[in-house]
Amino acid sequence: MLLTKASEYAMLSLMLISRQNGPEDVDTLSKRLNISRSFLAKVLQGLAREGILKSYKGAKGGFVLNLKPEEISLRKVIETAEKKPLTIFECAQHRALCPSSKGDFCMIWPFLNKFQSKIDAFIDEMTLKDIL
């Protein structure tokens, strides 16, 4: 899986938000990160829907962490931002998902599955606290 700008923006935003004492608004974040306000708003709304962020409306509104940094796994952040599971190839976790006609006979599937397992273990252990 290629990580897109959505994952990058999610992680950068969470890092900035975690350093604030109060809500951080989308306009300020988008200016500080020099990124599209509308795209960032969608990313942050997704993080809020998943309970990673809490949003406040109004003049002094914005986003704050809804969890402690050590409770926010990077897997959850990435999968929320990307809107799909974190896999290196479609079939990496299950042979049945192999899009080719090879299916059970795919010679590289054991490697892909082992590679996916190592990525899963690493990303499951990594939290926002670790990248702060």
C-alpha atoms as a PDB file:
ATOM      1  CA  MET A   1       0.000   0.000   0.000  1.00  0.00           C
ATOM      2  CA  LEU A   2       1.260   3.383  -0.913  1.00  0.00           C
ATOM      3  CA  LEU A   3       0.777   5.866   1.886  1.00  0.00           C
ATOM      4  CA  THR A   4      -0.749   9.015   0.488  1.00  0.00           C
ATOM      5  CA  LYS A   5      -0.766  12.646   1.538  1.00  0.00           C
ATOM      6  CA  ALA A   6      -3.788  11.841   3.698  1.00  0.00           C
ATOM      7  CA  SER A   7      -1.636   9.738   6.058  1.00  0.00           C
ATOM      8  CA  GLU A   8       1.142  12.299   6.059  1.00  0.00           C
ATOM      9  CA  TYR A   9      -1.258  15.147   6.835  1.00  0.00           C
ATOM     10  CA  ALA A  10      -2.977  13.105   9.544  1.00  0.00           C
ATOM     11  CA  MET A  11       0.304  12.391  11.324  1.00  0.00           C
ATOM     12  CA  LEU A  12       1.623  15.951  10.971  1.00  0.00           C
ATOM     13  CA  SER A  13      -1.663  17.404  12.219  1.00  0.00           C
ATOM     14  CA  LEU A  14      -1.792  15.068  15.190  1.00  0.00           C
ATOM     15  CA  MET A  15       1.747  16.076  16.115  1.00  0.00           C
ATOM     16  CA  LEU A  16       0.848  19.782  16.031  1.00  0.00           C
ATOM     17  CA  ILE A  17      -2.475  19.293  17.819  1.00  0.00           C
ATOM     18  CA  SER A  18      -0.803  17.269  20.568  1.00  0.00           C
ATOM     19  CA  ARG A  19       1.465  20.223  21.375  1.00  0.00           C
ATOM     20  CA  GLN A  20      -1.407  22.671  21.904  1.00  0.00           C
ATOM     21  CA  ASN A  21      -3.177  23.464  25.154  1.00  0.00           C
ATOM     22  CA  GLY A  22      -6.524  24.034  23.463  1.00  0.00           C
ATOM     23  CA  PRO A  23      -8.383  23.369  20.223  1.00  0.00           C
ATOM     24  CA  GLU A  24      -6.448  23.909  17.015  1.00  0.00           C
ATOM     25  CA  ASP A  25      -8.531  25.078  14.048  1.00  0.00           C
ATOM     26  CA  VAL A  26      -8.228  23.852  10.464  1.00  0.00           C
ATOM     27  CA  ASP A  27      -7.244  27.272   9.082  1.00  0.00           C
ATOM     28  CA  THR A  28      -4.287  27.574  11.445  1.00  0.00           C
ATOM     29  CA  LEU A  29      -3.177  23.997  10.831  1.00  0.00           C
ATOM     30  CA  SER A  30      -3.441  24.269   7.063  1.00  0.00           C
ATOM     31  CA  LYS A  31      -1.370  27.481   7.098  1.00  0.00           C
ATOM     32  CA  ARG A  32       1.266  26.022   9.421  1.00  0.00           C
ATOM     33  CA  LEU A  33       1.558  22.905   7.258  1.00  0.00           C
ATOM     34  CA  ASN A  34       1.123  24.786   3.973  1.00  0.00           C
ATOM     35  CA  ILE A  35      -1.557  22.364   2.751  1.00  0.00           C
ATOM     36  CA  SER A  36      -5.067  22.542   1.364  1.00  0.00           C
ATOM     37  CA  ARG A  37      -7.608  23.579   3.995  1.00  0.00           C
ATOM     38  CA  SER A  38     -10.462  21.563   2.485  1.00  0.00           C
ATOM     39  CA  PHE A  39      -8.431  18.358   2.184  1.00  0.00           C
ATOM     40  CA  LEU A  40      -7.073  18.729   5.707  1.00  0.00           C
ATOM     41  CA  ALA A  41     -10.600  19.314   7.032  1.00  0.00           C
ATOM     42  CA  LYS A  42     -11.710  15.975   5.554  1.00  0.00           C
ATOM     43  CA  VAL A  43      -8.738  14.177   7.098  1.00  0.00           C
ATOM     44  CA  LEU A  44      -9.371  15.708  10.528  1.00  0.00           C
ATOM     45  CA  GLN A  45     -13.111  14.987  10.378  1.00  0.00           C
ATOM     46  CA  GLY A  46     -12.289  11.339   9.673  1.00  0.00           C
ATOM     47  CA  LEU A  47      -9.970  11.237  12.689  1.00  0.00           C
ATOM     48  CA  ALA A  48     -12.728  12.778  14.807  1.00  0.00           C
ATOM     49  CA  ARG A  49     -15.295  10.229  13.581  1.00  0.00           C
ATOM     50  CA  GLU A  50     -12.953   7.440  14.670  1.00  0.00           C
ATOM     51  CA  GLY A  51     -12.516   8.955  18.140  1.00  0.00           C
ATOM     52  CA  ILE A  52      -8.877   9.941  17.692  1.00  0.00           C
ATOM     53  CA  LEU A  53      -9.727  13.636  17.783  1.00  0.00           C
ATOM     54  CA  LYS A  54     -12.505  15.583  19.436  1.00  0.00           C
ATOM     55  CA  SER A  55     -13.912  18.547  17.564  1.00  0.00           C
ATOM     56  CA  TYR A  56     -15.339  21.745  18.963  1.00  0.00           C
ATOM     57  CA  LYS A  57     -17.498  24.140  16.980  1.00  0.00           C
ATOM     58  CA  GLY A  58     -17.626  27.887  17.228  1.00  0.00           C
ATOM     59  CA  ALA A  59     -15.262  30.845  17.239  1.00  0.00           C
ATOM     60  CA  LYS A  60     -12.802  29.129  19.569  1.00  0.00           C
ATOM     61  CA  GLY A  61     -13.420  25.705  18.082  1.00  0.00           C
ATOM     62  CA  GLY A  62     -11.059  23.269  16.514  1.00  0.00           C
ATOM     63  CA  PHE A  63      -9.602  19.862  17.243  1.00  0.00           C
ATOM     64  CA  VAL A  64      -7.950  18.336  20.292  1.00  0.00           C
ATOM     65  CA  LEU A  65      -6.681  14.829  20.948  1.00  0.00           C
ATOM     66  CA  ASN A  66      -9.420  12.603  22.288  1.00  0.00           C
ATOM     67  CA  LEU A  67      -6.880  10.028  23.479  1.00  0.00           C
ATOM     68  CA  LYS A  68      -3.423  10.164  25.019  1.00  0.00           C
ATOM     69  CA  PRO A  69      -0.607   9.996  22.426  1.00  0.00           C
ATOM     70  CA  GLU A  70       0.406   6.539  23.700  1.00  0.00           C
ATOM     71  CA  GLU A  71      -3.155   5.303  23.020  1.00  0.00           C
ATOM     72  CA  ILE A  72      -3.151   6.361  19.358  1.00  0.00           C
ATOM     73  CA  SER A  73      -1.685   3.639  17.159  1.00  0.00           C
ATOM     74  CA  LEU A  74      -0.235   4.645  13.825  1.00  0.00           C
ATOM     75  CA  ARG A  75      -2.175   1.781  12.241  1.00  0.00           C
ATOM     76  CA  LYS A  76      -5.436   3.403  13.334  1.00  0.00           C
ATOM     77  CA  VAL A  77      -4.302   6.809  12.067  1.00  0.00           C
ATOM     78  CA  ILE A  78      -3.156   5.466   8.702  1.00  0.00           C
ATOM     79  CA  GLU A  79      -6.173   3.227   8.140  1.00  0.00           C
ATOM     80  CA  THR A  80      -8.490   6.093   9.086  1.00  0.00           C
ATOM     81  CA  ALA A  81      -6.723   8.517   6.750  1.00  0.00           C
ATOM     82  CA  GLU A  82      -6.493   6.027   3.878  1.00  0.00           C
ATOM     83  CA  LYS A  83     -10.000   4.633   4.461  1.00  0.00           C
ATOM     84  CA  LYS A  84      -8.788   1.069   3.952  1.00  0.00           C
ATOM     85  CA  PRO A  85      -6.681  -1.570   5.693  1.00  0.00           C
ATOM     86  CA  LEU A  86      -2.914  -1.219   5.652  1.00  0.00           C
ATOM     87  CA  THR A  87      -1.681  -3.943   3.308  1.00  0.00           C
ATOM     88  CA  ILE A  88       1.379  -4.039   1.069  1.00  0.00           C
ATOM     89  CA  PHE A  89      -0.475  -6.016  -1.606  1.00  0.00           C
ATOM     90  CA  GLU A  90      -4.155  -6.916  -1.868  1.00  0.00           C
ATOM     91  CA  CYS A  91      -3.441 -10.584  -1.212  1.00  0.00           C
ATOM     92  CA  ALA A  92      -0.721 -10.176   1.449  1.00  0.00           C
ATOM     93  CA  GLN A  93      -2.916 -11.227   4.351  1.00  0.00           C
ATOM     94  CA  HIS A  94      -5.077 -13.876   2.656  1.00  0.00           C
ATOM     95  CA  ARG A  95      -4.383 -15.933  -0.453  1.00  0.00           C
ATOM     96  CA  ALA A  96      -8.072 -15.896  -1.283  1.00  0.00           C
ATOM     97  CA  LEU A  97      -7.761 -12.182  -2.041  1.00  0.00           C
ATOM     98  CA  CYS A  98      -5.223 -12.784  -4.815  1.00  0.00           C
ATOM     99  CA  PRO A  99      -6.540 -10.894  -7.867  1.00  0.00           C
ATOM    100  CA  SER A 100      -4.696 -13.139 -10.285  1.00  0.00           C
ATOM    101  CA  SER A 101      -5.609 -16.595 -11.437  1.00  0.00           C
ATOM    102  CA  LYS A 102      -2.652 -17.964  -9.458  1.00  0.00           C
ATOM    103  CA  GLY A 103      -4.570 -18.127  -6.160  1.00  0.00           C
ATOM    104  CA  ASP A 104      -3.217 -20.997  -4.076  1.00  0.00           C
ATOM    105  CA  PHE A 105      -0.297 -21.452  -6.465  1.00  0.00           C
ATOM    106  CA  CYS A 106       1.215 -17.993  -6.055  1.00  0.00           C
ATOM    107  CA  MET A 107       4.895 -18.599  -5.372  1.00  0.00           C
ATOM    108  CA  ILE A 108       5.564 -15.236  -3.712  1.00  0.00           C
ATOM    109  CA  TRP A 109       2.562 -15.267  -1.376  1.00  0.00           C
ATOM    110  CA  PRO A 110       4.513 -16.735   1.598  1.00  0.00           C
ATOM    111  CA  PHE A 111       7.015 -13.886   1.311  1.00  0.00           C
ATOM    112  CA  LEU A 112       4.273 -11.261   1.010  1.00  0.00           C
ATOM    113  CA  ASN A 113       2.438 -12.691   3.987  1.00  0.00           C
ATOM    114  CA  LYS A 114       5.587 -12.729   6.145  1.00  0.00           C
ATOM    115  CA  PHE A 115       6.437  -9.181   5.051  1.00  0.00           C
ATOM    116  CA  GLN A 116       2.896  -8.052   5.901  1.00  0.00           C
ATOM    117  CA  SER A 117       3.162  -9.692   9.345  1.00  0.00           C
ATOM    118  CA  LYS A 118       6.350  -7.771  10.116  1.00  0.00           C
ATOM    119  CA  ILE A 119       4.813  -4.493   8.975  1.00  0.00           C
ATOM    120  CA  ASP A 120       1.701  -5.208  11.047  1.00  0.00           C
ATOM    121  CA  ALA A 121       3.745  -5.916  14.175  1.00  0.00           C
ATOM    122  CA  PHE A 122       5.797  -2.742  13.721  1.00  0.00           C
ATOM    123  CA  ILE A 123       2.883  -0.419  12.950  1.00  0.00           C
ATOM    124  CA  ASP A 124       0.691  -1.874  15.713  1.00  0.00           C
ATOM    125  CA  GLU A 125       3.359  -1.098  18.323  1.00  0.00           C
ATOM    126  CA  MET A 126       4.108   2.412  17.016  1.00  0.00           C
ATOM    127  CA  THR A 127       2.054   5.187  18.595  1.00  0.00           C
ATOM    128  CA  LEU A 128       1.768   8.924  18.243  1.00  0.00           C
ATOM    129  CA  LYS A 129       3.916   9.217  21.378  1.00  0.00           C
ATOM    130  CA  ASP A 130       6.717   7.374  19.578  1.00  0.00           C
ATOM    131  CA  ILE A 131       6.836   9.893  16.734  1.00  0.00           C
ATOM    132  CA  LEU A 132       6.560  12.911  19.013  1.00  0.00           C
END
